[in-house]
Amino acid sequence: MNTPLPDRYLRLHVVLDRTGLSRATLYRKIQEGTFPRQVRIAQRCAGWRESAISEWQRNPVGYRAADHAPG
């Protein structure tokens, strides 16, 4: 039986490294709705779901956050 791995949370430096985006570009794309929003992990800590980043990487030009809202 093949059980899916739990979704991991990635911190900013990892997301920047994986995507090749600058910090300014990443946050601008979040505001435009063309990059996944971060998820609050703790009071002063946020990250991105690894699955959301992978989804964006499959189609970075066509990605729209509204199309991938958690249900």
N, C-alpha and C. Protein backbone atom coordinates (compact mmCIF):
# COMPACT_ATOMS: atom_id res chain seq x y z
N MET A 1 0.84 -1.17 0.00
CA MET A 1 0.00 0.00 0.00
C MET A 1 0.89 1.23 0.00
N ASN A 2 0.60 2.17 -0.91
CA ASN A 2 1.42 3.37 -1.05
C ASN A 2 0.71 4.54 -0.39
N THR A 3 1.14 4.91 0.80
CA THR A 3 0.53 6.00 1.55
C THR A 3 1.21 7.31 1.17
N PRO A 4 0.43 8.35 0.84
CA PRO A 4 1.06 9.63 0.51
C PRO A 4 1.77 10.22 1.72
N LEU A 5 2.89 10.87 1.45
CA LEU A 5 3.64 11.51 2.53
C LEU A 5 2.90 12.74 3.00
N PRO A 6 3.02 13.08 4.28
CA PRO A 6 2.36 14.29 4.77
C PRO A 6 2.98 15.53 4.11
N ASP A 7 2.17 16.56 3.95
CA ASP A 7 2.64 17.80 3.35
C ASP A 7 3.61 18.48 4.31
N ARG A 8 4.74 18.92 3.80
CA ARG A 8 5.72 19.63 4.63
C ARG A 8 5.54 21.13 4.45
N TYR A 9 6.00 21.89 5.40
CA TYR A 9 6.01 23.34 5.31
C TYR A 9 7.42 23.79 4.98
N LEU A 10 7.53 24.67 4.00
CA LEU A 10 8.82 25.18 3.57
C LEU A 10 8.96 26.63 4.03
N ARG A 11 10.12 26.98 4.50
CA ARG A 11 10.39 28.35 4.94
C ARG A 11 10.83 29.19 3.74
N LEU A 12 10.86 30.49 3.93
CA LEU A 12 11.12 31.43 2.85
C LEU A 12 12.39 31.11 2.07
N HIS A 13 13.49 30.89 2.77
CA HIS A 13 14.76 30.67 2.07
C HIS A 13 14.71 29.43 1.17
N VAL A 14 13.98 28.41 1.58
CA VAL A 14 13.84 27.20 0.77
C VAL A 14 12.97 27.49 -0.46
N VAL A 15 11.88 28.23 -0.26
CA VAL A 15 10.99 28.57 -1.38
C VAL A 15 11.75 29.42 -2.40
N LEU A 16 12.52 30.40 -1.94
CA LEU A 16 13.29 31.23 -2.85
C LEU A 16 14.30 30.39 -3.62
N ASP A 17 14.94 29.46 -2.94
CA ASP A 17 15.93 28.59 -3.58
C ASP A 17 15.27 27.69 -4.63
N ARG A 18 14.14 27.10 -4.29
CA ARG A 18 13.45 26.18 -5.21
C ARG A 18 12.86 26.87 -6.42
N THR A 19 12.39 28.11 -6.24
CA THR A 19 11.70 28.79 -7.33
C THR A 19 12.63 29.68 -8.15
N GLY A 20 13.72 30.13 -7.55
CA GLY A 20 14.61 31.06 -8.24
C GLY A 20 14.09 32.49 -8.24
N LEU A 21 13.01 32.75 -7.51
CA LEU A 21 12.44 34.09 -7.43
C LEU A 21 13.18 34.92 -6.39
N SER A 22 13.16 36.23 -6.57
CA SER A 22 13.66 37.11 -5.51
C SER A 22 12.55 37.26 -4.47
N ARG A 23 12.91 37.74 -3.32
CA ARG A 23 11.92 37.95 -2.25
C ARG A 23 10.85 38.95 -2.71
N ALA A 24 11.29 40.04 -3.34
CA ALA A 24 10.34 41.07 -3.81
C ALA A 24 9.38 40.50 -4.85
N THR A 25 9.90 39.72 -5.78
CA THR A 25 9.05 39.12 -6.82
C THR A 25 8.07 38.14 -6.22
N LEU A 26 8.53 37.33 -5.28
CA LEU A 26 7.66 36.35 -4.64
C LEU A 26 6.47 37.04 -3.97
N TYR A 27 6.73 38.08 -3.17
CA TYR A 27 5.64 38.76 -2.47
C TYR A 27 4.74 39.54 -3.43
N ARG A 28 5.31 40.07 -4.52
CA ARG A 28 4.48 40.73 -5.53
C ARG A 28 3.55 39.73 -6.19
N LYS A 29 4.06 38.53 -6.50
CA LYS A 29 3.24 37.49 -7.12
C LYS A 29 2.14 37.02 -6.15
N ILE A 30 2.43 36.97 -4.86
CA ILE A 30 1.39 36.62 -3.88
C ILE A 30 0.28 37.67 -3.93
N GLN A 31 0.65 38.95 -3.94
CA GLN A 31 -0.34 40.02 -3.99
C GLN A 31 -1.18 39.95 -5.27
N GLU A 32 -0.57 39.54 -6.37
CA GLU A 32 -1.27 39.42 -7.66
C GLU A 32 -2.12 38.16 -7.73
N GLY A 33 -1.90 37.22 -6.80
CA GLY A 33 -2.63 35.96 -6.82
C GLY A 33 -2.03 34.94 -7.76
N THR A 34 -0.76 35.14 -8.13
CA THR A 34 -0.11 34.21 -9.06
C THR A 34 0.96 33.35 -8.37
N PHE A 35 0.91 33.30 -7.05
CA PHE A 35 1.80 32.44 -6.27
C PHE A 35 1.05 32.05 -5.00
N PRO A 36 1.28 30.84 -4.51
CA PRO A 36 0.58 30.40 -3.29
C PRO A 36 0.88 31.31 -2.09
N ARG A 37 -0.14 31.52 -1.28
CA ARG A 37 0.02 32.31 -0.06
C ARG A 37 0.69 31.45 1.02
N GLN A 38 1.38 32.11 1.90
CA GLN A 38 1.99 31.40 3.02
C GLN A 38 0.92 31.02 4.04
N VAL A 39 1.27 30.05 4.87
CA VAL A 39 0.37 29.54 5.90
C VAL A 39 1.00 29.85 7.25
N ARG A 40 0.23 30.37 8.17
CA ARG A 40 0.75 30.65 9.51
C ARG A 40 0.98 29.32 10.24
N ILE A 41 2.20 29.13 10.71
CA ILE A 41 2.58 27.91 11.41
C ILE A 41 2.54 28.14 12.92
N ALA A 42 2.97 29.32 13.34
CA ALA A 42 2.97 29.72 14.75
C ALA A 42 2.76 31.23 14.78
N GLN A 43 2.75 31.81 15.96
CA GLN A 43 2.46 33.24 16.09
C GLN A 43 3.37 34.10 15.22
N ARG A 44 4.65 33.80 15.19
CA ARG A 44 5.60 34.60 14.40
C ARG A 44 6.30 33.78 13.35
N CYS A 45 5.62 32.78 12.82
CA CYS A 45 6.25 31.87 11.88
C CYS A 45 5.26 31.50 10.78
N ALA A 46 5.71 31.61 9.54
CA ALA A 46 4.86 31.22 8.41
C ALA A 46 5.70 30.43 7.42
N GLY A 47 5.04 29.67 6.60
CA GLY A 47 5.72 28.88 5.59
C GLY A 47 4.75 28.56 4.47
N TRP A 48 5.21 27.83 3.51
CA TRP A 48 4.40 27.43 2.37
C TRP A 48 4.27 25.92 2.36
N ARG A 49 3.10 25.43 1.99
CA ARG A 49 2.93 23.99 1.83
C ARG A 49 3.75 23.54 0.63
N GLU A 50 4.50 22.48 0.81
CA GLU A 50 5.34 21.97 -0.26
C GLU A 50 4.50 21.60 -1.48
N SER A 51 3.31 21.06 -1.25
CA SER A 51 2.43 20.68 -2.36
C SER A 51 1.99 21.90 -3.16
N ALA A 52 1.79 23.03 -2.50
CA ALA A 52 1.39 24.26 -3.21
C ALA A 52 2.53 24.78 -4.08
N ILE A 53 3.75 24.70 -3.57
CA ILE A 53 4.91 25.13 -4.36
C ILE A 53 5.11 24.20 -5.55
N SER A 54 4.94 22.91 -5.34
CA SER A 54 5.06 21.96 -6.44
C SER A 54 4.00 22.21 -7.52
N GLU A 55 2.79 22.53 -7.08
CA GLU A 55 1.71 22.84 -8.03
C GLU A 55 2.07 24.08 -8.85
N TRP A 56 2.59 25.10 -8.20
CA TRP A 56 3.00 26.32 -8.90
C TRP A 56 4.11 26.01 -9.90
N GLN A 57 5.07 25.16 -9.51
CA GLN A 57 6.18 24.83 -10.39
C GLN A 57 5.73 24.06 -11.63
N ARG A 58 4.64 23.33 -11.54
CA ARG A 58 4.12 22.60 -12.71
C ARG A 58 3.60 23.55 -13.77
N ASN A 59 3.10 24.74 -13.37
CA ASN A 59 2.56 25.70 -14.32
C ASN A 59 2.67 27.11 -13.75
N PRO A 60 3.89 27.67 -13.68
CA PRO A 60 4.05 28.98 -13.05
C PRO A 60 3.36 30.11 -13.79
N VAL A 61 3.24 30.02 -15.10
CA VAL A 61 2.60 31.09 -15.87
C VAL A 61 1.09 31.05 -15.70
N GLY A 62 0.51 29.87 -15.63
CA GLY A 62 -0.94 29.75 -15.56
C GLY A 62 -1.50 29.62 -14.16
N TYR A 63 -0.64 29.61 -13.15
CA TYR A 63 -1.11 29.44 -11.76
C TYR A 63 -1.93 30.63 -11.31
N ARG A 64 -3.07 30.36 -10.70
CA ARG A 64 -3.90 31.38 -10.07
C ARG A 64 -4.29 30.85 -8.69
N ALA A 65 -3.98 31.61 -7.64
CA ALA A 65 -4.23 31.18 -6.27
C ALA A 65 -5.70 30.86 -6.04
N ALA A 66 -6.61 31.61 -6.65
CA ALA A 66 -8.05 31.36 -6.46
C ALA A 66 -8.46 29.97 -6.96
N ASP A 67 -7.74 29.47 -7.97
CA ASP A 67 -8.03 28.14 -8.52
C ASP A 67 -7.56 27.03 -7.59
N HIS A 68 -6.69 27.36 -6.62
CA HIS A 68 -6.07 26.34 -5.76
C HIS A 68 -6.35 26.59 -4.30
N ALA A 69 -7.43 27.26 -4.00
CA ALA A 69 -7.78 27.54 -2.60
C ALA A 69 -8.09 26.24 -1.88
N PRO A 70 -7.64 26.11 -0.63
CA PRO A 70 -7.93 24.89 0.12
C PRO A 70 -9.44 24.73 0.29
N GLY A 71 -9.89 23.51 0.13
CA GLY A 71 -11.32 23.29 0.19
C GLY A 71 -11.75 22.63 1.36
